[in-house]
Every structure is written in C-alpha cells, then in structure tokens.
Amino acid sequence: MTDLLKLQETASYNERSLKTLVRAIAMSQQQFSLILVRCNYEQLRQRWAQRLREMSPVPIQDIVLPASVKTLYTNLVANTLPSGSSAVGSASALMVFGLEIVLAIDELMASTNQVRDEFRKNFSCPVVLWVTDDIVTKMIRLAPDFKSWAAATIKFELAVDELIHFLTARADTIFKVAVARKCGK
C-alpha cells in the first residue's frame, strides 16, 4: 500500500509541475523567459514533454541539440529565426532538448553566459531548457548569470517503483549485450 501511495504522490507532484510549466509558458508570451525543467530520465522527459504539447495553449517548437553543438545561442538562432529577420519566428515557445549529450558542454555553458543578453534581444518567447541534475550543476558553475534569469527549476520525478523497473530493465539490457559480445568472440 505504501508503494501505491508513493506512486500516487509522484504522479500528483508531476501533474503540479506540468501545470506550473504550462502557466509559465502562457504568462511569458511576447517576452523572453528562461524556464529550466529538470528531469533525469529520457523516457520520463518524453512523456511529460508530450503532455506539455497537448496542454499548452500556444504552439511550441522543439529543438534537439546535436552532440557536436558548440554554442546554444547560435544553434537556437539557426533553428528559429527566418532568414533576414532579427526576431524569433512563429513559435510562441521554444523547447530545447539534448544538453545532456553535448560533448563540449563546458564550452557551451561558458559561451551561453557570455552572450546572455542576446537571448533577451532576439527571443521574444519563453525558452524551455530540459536539463538533468548534472547540467544544472554545470550551469550554476559556468553560466551563473544566464541561470539567474530562470525562476525556480520545475522538476519531474520518477517514482521509486518506476526507477527500480527502469534500472532493472537497463541492467538486463547491458547484461544481454555483454553476453552477446562474449559469445560472439
């Protein structure tokens, strides 16, 4: 029974986080706003991002960063600004994924901090960055001025039972791959 209560508590927490995120996006229309959404698990992130798209009263443009990206600002500009324009395109909000896979994350964070004023000048919509605990730590250390523009981080969590299931499945997959490699040699 306790596990069911914990699962329900986590579900309620995540629903409140979703409502907070929808409200933050809606209230930030026509102005730059940095919204940090912390979620450490890709499947959970995909699930709640989809729910966000369904609930959002405004269109959201997804941007997935490649691992090779060097700067956040220039990547967002390249993916959003119509040619010859100096303001963001038709999206009412930008949702950015992939910071956790960026190879040169330290350099990306440092450059983001250096050009932070350009975000306000060129993006008149909320920018939602999906981050992990590690990325938030790097942001605090390497891009503190940029991070200071974000209100409290909105967090989505995985229930303990879901986490155990996730870790068990991941361990099984790793074990199967290891066995297959050993047998293939």
C-alpha atoms as a PDB file:
ATOM      1  CA  MET A   1       0.000   0.000   0.000  1.00  0.00           C
ATOM      2  CA  THR A   2       2.878   2.352   0.783  1.00  0.00           C
ATOM      3  CA  ASP A   3       4.319   1.859  -2.705  1.00  0.00           C
ATOM      4  CA  LEU A   4       0.964   2.778  -4.250  1.00  0.00           C
ATOM      5  CA  LEU A   5       0.824   5.960  -2.155  1.00  0.00           C
ATOM      6  CA  LYS A   6       4.362   6.896  -3.212  1.00  0.00           C
ATOM      7  CA  LEU A   7       3.435   6.290  -6.851  1.00  0.00           C
ATOM      8  CA  GLN A   8       0.336   8.464  -6.462  1.00  0.00           C
ATOM      9  CA  GLU A   9       2.330  11.189  -4.689  1.00  0.00           C
ATOM     10  CA  THR A  10       4.877  11.252  -7.508  1.00  0.00           C
ATOM     11  CA  ALA A  11       2.115  11.363 -10.123  1.00  0.00           C
ATOM     12  CA  SER A  12       0.451  14.276  -8.292  1.00  0.00           C
ATOM     13  CA  TYR A  13       3.791  16.074  -7.983  1.00  0.00           C
ATOM     14  CA  ASN A  14       4.452  15.678 -11.711  1.00  0.00           C
ATOM     15  CA  GLU A  15       0.943  16.900 -12.589  1.00  0.00           C
ATOM     16  CA  ARG A  16       1.531  20.032 -10.497  1.00  0.00           C
ATOM     17  CA  SER A  17       4.878  20.516 -12.248  1.00  0.00           C
ATOM     18  CA  LEU A  18       3.141  20.249 -15.614  1.00  0.00           C
ATOM     19  CA  LYS A  19       0.529  22.838 -14.644  1.00  0.00           C
ATOM     20  CA  THR A  20       3.280  25.160 -13.404  1.00  0.00           C
ATOM     21  CA  LEU A  21       5.131  24.751 -16.702  1.00  0.00           C
ATOM     22  CA  VAL A  22       2.024  25.405 -18.809  1.00  0.00           C
ATOM     23  CA  ARG A  23       1.277  28.523 -16.737  1.00  0.00           C
ATOM     24  CA  ALA A  24       4.877  29.774 -17.003  1.00  0.00           C
ATOM     25  CA  ILE A  25       4.820  29.433 -20.797  1.00  0.00           C
ATOM     26  CA  ALA A  26       1.416  31.108 -21.098  1.00  0.00           C
ATOM     27  CA  MET A  27       2.418  34.026 -18.874  1.00  0.00           C
ATOM     28  CA  SER A  28       5.687  34.621 -20.731  1.00  0.00           C
ATOM     29  CA  GLN A  29       4.246  35.251 -24.166  1.00  0.00           C
ATOM     30  CA  GLN A  30       5.807  38.052 -26.204  1.00  0.00           C
ATOM     31  CA  GLN A  31       8.828  38.251 -23.901  1.00  0.00           C
ATOM     32  CA  PHE A  32      11.976  36.282 -23.256  1.00  0.00           C
ATOM     33  CA  SER A  33      11.771  33.995 -20.284  1.00  0.00           C
ATOM     34  CA  LEU A  34      14.167  31.210 -19.324  1.00  0.00           C
ATOM     35  CA  ILE A  35      12.409  28.152 -17.916  1.00  0.00           C
ATOM     36  CA  LEU A  36      14.506  25.269 -16.609  1.00  0.00           C
ATOM     37  CA  VAL A  37      12.820  21.875 -16.427  1.00  0.00           C
ATOM     38  CA  ARG A  38      14.817  19.234 -14.580  1.00  0.00           C
ATOM     39  CA  CYS A  39      14.285  15.596 -15.464  1.00  0.00           C
ATOM     40  CA  ASN A  40      16.992  12.935 -15.327  1.00  0.00           C
ATOM     41  CA  TYR A  41      15.306  10.224 -17.404  1.00  0.00           C
ATOM     42  CA  GLU A  42      14.762  10.451 -21.145  1.00  0.00           C
ATOM     43  CA  GLN A  43      11.583   8.359 -21.218  1.00  0.00           C
ATOM     44  CA  LEU A  44      10.043  10.444 -18.463  1.00  0.00           C
ATOM     45  CA  ARG A  45      11.127  13.630 -20.245  1.00  0.00           C
ATOM     46  CA  GLN A  46       9.498  12.486 -23.488  1.00  0.00           C
ATOM     47  CA  ARG A  47       6.285  11.557 -21.694  1.00  0.00           C
ATOM     48  CA  TRP A  48       5.917  14.942 -19.963  1.00  0.00           C
ATOM     49  CA  ALA A  49       7.051  16.942 -22.989  1.00  0.00           C
ATOM     50  CA  GLN A  50       4.280  15.260 -24.985  1.00  0.00           C
ATOM     51  CA  ARG A  51       1.755  16.077 -22.260  1.00  0.00           C
ATOM     52  CA  LEU A  52       3.010  19.672 -22.324  1.00  0.00           C
ATOM     53  CA  ARG A  53       2.453  19.924 -26.083  1.00  0.00           C
ATOM     54  CA  GLU A  54      -1.093  18.595 -25.604  1.00  0.00           C
ATOM     55  CA  MET A  55      -1.928  21.021 -22.781  1.00  0.00           C
ATOM     56  CA  SER A  56      -0.146  24.143 -23.967  1.00  0.00           C
ATOM     57  CA  PRO A  57      -2.421  26.892 -25.245  1.00  0.00           C
ATOM     58  CA  VAL A  58       0.402  28.106 -27.521  1.00  0.00           C
ATOM     59  CA  PRO A  59       2.497  26.387 -30.195  1.00  0.00           C
ATOM     60  CA  ILE A  60       5.846  25.053 -29.004  1.00  0.00           C
ATOM     61  CA  GLN A  61       8.806  24.498 -31.302  1.00  0.00           C
ATOM     62  CA  ASP A  62      11.105  21.623 -30.330  1.00  0.00           C
ATOM     63  CA  ILE A  63      14.832  21.974 -30.837  1.00  0.00           C
ATOM     64  CA  VAL A  64      17.063  18.951 -30.327  1.00  0.00           C
ATOM     65  CA  LEU A  65      20.704  19.846 -29.919  1.00  0.00           C
ATOM     66  CA  PRO A  66      23.264  17.665 -31.658  1.00  0.00           C
ATOM     67  CA  ALA A  67      26.124  16.307 -29.537  1.00  0.00           C
ATOM     68  CA  SER A  68      28.552  18.410 -31.587  1.00  0.00           C
ATOM     69  CA  VAL A  69      26.922  21.783 -30.871  1.00  0.00           C
ATOM     70  CA  LYS A  70      29.358  24.414 -29.580  1.00  0.00           C
ATOM     71  CA  THR A  71      27.038  27.290 -28.660  1.00  0.00           C
ATOM     72  CA  LEU A  72      23.434  27.315 -27.517  1.00  0.00           C
ATOM     73  CA  TYR A  73      22.604  30.791 -28.781  1.00  0.00           C
ATOM     74  CA  THR A  74      23.765  30.329 -32.380  1.00  0.00           C
ATOM     75  CA  ASN A  75      22.043  26.948 -32.572  1.00  0.00           C
ATOM     76  CA  LEU A  76      18.745  28.423 -31.405  1.00  0.00           C
ATOM     77  CA  VAL A  77      19.086  31.329 -33.822  1.00  0.00           C
ATOM     78  CA  ALA A  78      19.831  28.966 -36.712  1.00  0.00           C
ATOM     79  CA  ASN A  79      16.786  26.856 -35.891  1.00  0.00           C
ATOM     80  CA  THR A  80      14.276  29.628 -35.242  1.00  0.00           C
ATOM     81  CA  LEU A  81      14.970  32.885 -37.000  1.00  0.00           C
ATOM     82  CA  PRO A  82      13.596  33.315 -40.504  1.00  0.00           C
ATOM     83  CA  SER A  83      16.285  34.488 -42.916  1.00  0.00           C
ATOM     84  CA  GLY A  84      16.690  38.235 -42.842  1.00  0.00           C
ATOM     85  CA  SER A  85      14.756  38.575 -39.590  1.00  0.00           C
ATOM     86  CA  SER A  86      16.002  39.827 -36.266  1.00  0.00           C
ATOM     87  CA  ALA A  87      13.249  38.299 -34.132  1.00  0.00           C
ATOM     88  CA  VAL A  88      12.199  34.761 -33.395  1.00  0.00           C
ATOM     89  CA  GLY A  89       9.885  33.120 -35.932  1.00  0.00           C
ATOM     90  CA  SER A  90       6.312  31.934 -35.423  1.00  0.00           C
ATOM     91  CA  ALA A  91       6.890  29.791 -32.326  1.00  0.00           C
ATOM     92  CA  SER A  92       5.282  31.030 -29.149  1.00  0.00           C
ATOM     93  CA  ALA A  93       7.734  28.966 -27.083  1.00  0.00           C
ATOM     94  CA  LEU A  94      10.941  27.034 -27.685  1.00  0.00           C
ATOM     95  CA  MET A  95      11.599  23.706 -26.010  1.00  0.00           C
ATOM     96  CA  VAL A  96      15.252  22.619 -26.085  1.00  0.00           C
ATOM     97  CA  PHE A  97      16.404  19.025 -25.610  1.00  0.00           C
ATOM     98  CA  GLY A  98      19.834  17.398 -25.696  1.00  0.00           C
ATOM     99  CA  LEU A  99      22.030  19.440 -23.374  1.00  0.00           C
ATOM    100  CA  GLU A 100      22.946  16.232 -21.532  1.00  0.00           C
ATOM    101  CA  ILE A 101      24.577  14.756 -24.679  1.00  0.00           C
ATOM    102  CA  VAL A 102      26.573  17.826 -25.738  1.00  0.00           C
ATOM    103  CA  LEU A 103      30.241  16.852 -25.884  1.00  0.00           C
ATOM    104  CA  ALA A 104      31.622  20.349 -25.257  1.00  0.00           C
ATOM    105  CA  ILE A 105      29.117  21.216 -22.525  1.00  0.00           C
ATOM    106  CA  ASP A 106      31.566  23.328 -20.502  1.00  0.00           C
ATOM    107  CA  GLU A 107      32.340  25.495 -23.515  1.00  0.00           C
ATOM    108  CA  LEU A 108      28.652  25.723 -24.411  1.00  0.00           C
ATOM    109  CA  MET A 109      27.762  26.903 -20.898  1.00  0.00           C
ATOM    110  CA  ALA A 110      30.578  29.455 -20.793  1.00  0.00           C
ATOM    111  CA  SER A 111      29.626  30.898 -24.192  1.00  0.00           C
ATOM    112  CA  THR A 112      25.946  30.996 -23.204  1.00  0.00           C
ATOM    113  CA  ASN A 113      26.835  33.055 -20.162  1.00  0.00           C
ATOM    114  CA  GLN A 114      28.914  35.448 -22.291  1.00  0.00           C
ATOM    115  CA  VAL A 115      26.110  36.154 -24.792  1.00  0.00           C
ATOM    116  CA  ARG A 116      23.195  36.022 -22.348  1.00  0.00           C
ATOM    117  CA  ASP A 117      21.947  39.494 -23.323  1.00  0.00           C
ATOM    118  CA  GLU A 118      21.484  38.350 -26.922  1.00  0.00           C
ATOM    119  CA  PHE A 119      18.772  35.933 -25.785  1.00  0.00           C
ATOM    120  CA  ARG A 120      16.664  38.806 -24.467  1.00  0.00           C
ATOM    121  CA  LYS A 121      17.308  40.888 -27.574  1.00  0.00           C
ATOM    122  CA  ASN A 122      16.374  38.192 -30.089  1.00  0.00           C
ATOM    123  CA  PHE A 123      13.914  35.838 -28.433  1.00  0.00           C
ATOM    124  CA  SER A 124      10.529  37.268 -27.530  1.00  0.00           C
ATOM    125  CA  CYS A 125       9.169  33.994 -26.213  1.00  0.00           C
ATOM    126  CA  PRO A 126       9.865  31.586 -23.381  1.00  0.00           C
ATOM    127  CA  VAL A 127      12.799  29.224 -23.851  1.00  0.00           C
ATOM    128  CA  VAL A 128      12.312  25.931 -22.021  1.00  0.00           C
ATOM    129  CA  LEU A 129      15.544  24.055 -21.379  1.00  0.00           C
ATOM    130  CA  TRP A 130      15.172  20.410 -20.358  1.00  0.00           C
ATOM    131  CA  VAL A 131      18.111  19.730 -18.048  1.00  0.00           C
ATOM    132  CA  THR A 132      19.459  16.991 -15.803  1.00  0.00           C
ATOM    133  CA  ASP A 133      20.936  17.392 -12.331  1.00  0.00           C
ATOM    134  CA  ASP A 134      24.428  17.365 -13.875  1.00  0.00           C
ATOM    135  CA  ILE A 135      23.542  20.098 -16.367  1.00  0.00           C
ATOM    136  CA  VAL A 136      22.077  22.306 -13.627  1.00  0.00           C
ATOM    137  CA  THR A 137      25.305  21.895 -11.646  1.00  0.00           C
ATOM    138  CA  LYS A 138      27.364  22.906 -14.686  1.00  0.00           C
ATOM    139  CA  MET A 139      25.055  25.834 -15.360  1.00  0.00           C
ATOM    140  CA  ILE A 140      25.438  27.105 -11.784  1.00  0.00           C
ATOM    141  CA  ARG A 141      29.219  26.887 -12.107  1.00  0.00           C
ATOM    142  CA  LEU A 142      29.776  28.004 -15.715  1.00  0.00           C
ATOM    143  CA  ALA A 143      26.731  30.123 -16.624  1.00  0.00           C
ATOM    144  CA  PRO A 144      25.544  31.657 -13.347  1.00  0.00           C
ATOM    145  CA  ASP A 145      24.375  34.941 -14.886  1.00  0.00           C
ATOM    146  CA  PHE A 146      22.317  33.142 -17.522  1.00  0.00           C
ATOM    147  CA  LYS A 147      20.856  30.723 -14.966  1.00  0.00           C
ATOM    148  CA  SER A 148      19.883  33.599 -12.703  1.00  0.00           C
ATOM    149  CA  TRP A 149      17.269  34.600 -15.294  1.00  0.00           C
ATOM    150  CA  ALA A 150      15.329  31.406 -14.618  1.00  0.00           C
ATOM    151  CA  ALA A 151      12.790  31.206 -11.834  1.00  0.00           C
ATOM    152  CA  ALA A 152      12.794  28.103  -9.659  1.00  0.00           C
ATOM    153  CA  THR A 153      13.521  24.959 -11.627  1.00  0.00           C
ATOM    154  CA  ILE A 154      10.454  22.874 -12.466  1.00  0.00           C
ATOM    155  CA  LYS A 155      11.133  19.214 -11.716  1.00  0.00           C
ATOM    156  CA  PHE A 156       9.662  15.935 -12.920  1.00  0.00           C
ATOM    157  CA  GLU A 157      10.457  12.853 -10.875  1.00  0.00           C
ATOM    158  CA  LEU A 158      10.325   9.114 -11.320  1.00  0.00           C
ATOM    159  CA  ALA A 159       8.521   7.087  -8.648  1.00  0.00           C
ATOM    160  CA  VAL A 160      10.687   4.604  -6.766  1.00  0.00           C
ATOM    161  CA  ASP A 161       8.887   1.622  -8.336  1.00  0.00           C
ATOM    162  CA  GLU A 162       9.333   3.115 -11.806  1.00  0.00           C
ATOM    163  CA  LEU A 163      13.005   3.784 -11.078  1.00  0.00           C
ATOM    164  CA  ILE A 164      13.567   0.205  -9.916  1.00  0.00           C
ATOM    165  CA  HIS A 165      11.842  -1.108 -13.048  1.00  0.00           C
ATOM    166  CA  PHE A 166      13.900   1.260 -15.235  1.00  0.00           C
ATOM    167  CA  LEU A 167      17.196   0.250 -13.609  1.00  0.00           C
ATOM    168  CA  THR A 168      16.345  -3.451 -13.780  1.00  0.00           C
ATOM    169  CA  ALA A 169      15.495  -3.188 -17.477  1.00  0.00           C
ATOM    170  CA  ARG A 170      18.699  -1.204 -18.123  1.00  0.00           C
ATOM    171  CA  ALA A 171      20.811  -3.763 -16.249  1.00  0.00           C
ATOM    172  CA  ASP A 172      19.169  -6.614 -18.188  1.00  0.00           C
ATOM    173  CA  THR A 173      19.945  -4.881 -21.470  1.00  0.00           C
ATOM    174  CA  ILE A 174      23.576  -4.287 -20.503  1.00  0.00           C
ATOM    175  CA  PHE A 175      23.928  -7.909 -19.376  1.00  0.00           C
ATOM    176  CA  LYS A 176      22.442  -9.225 -22.646  1.00  0.00           C
ATOM    177  CA  VAL A 177      24.777  -7.056 -24.706  1.00  0.00           C
ATOM    178  CA  ALA A 178      27.777  -8.202 -22.669  1.00  0.00           C
ATOM    179  CA  VAL A 179      26.798 -11.871 -23.073  1.00  0.00           C
ATOM    180  CA  ALA A 180      26.209 -11.422 -26.807  1.00  0.00           C
ATOM    181  CA  ARG A 181      29.633  -9.809 -27.221  1.00  0.00           C
ATOM    182  CA  LYS A 182      31.338 -12.538 -25.238  1.00  0.00           C
ATOM    183  CA  CYS A 183      29.601 -15.291 -27.200  1.00  0.00           C
ATOM    184  CA  GLY A 184      30.357 -13.532 -30.482  1.00  0.00           C
ATOM    185  CA  LYS A 185      34.105 -13.558 -29.850  1.00  0.00           C
END
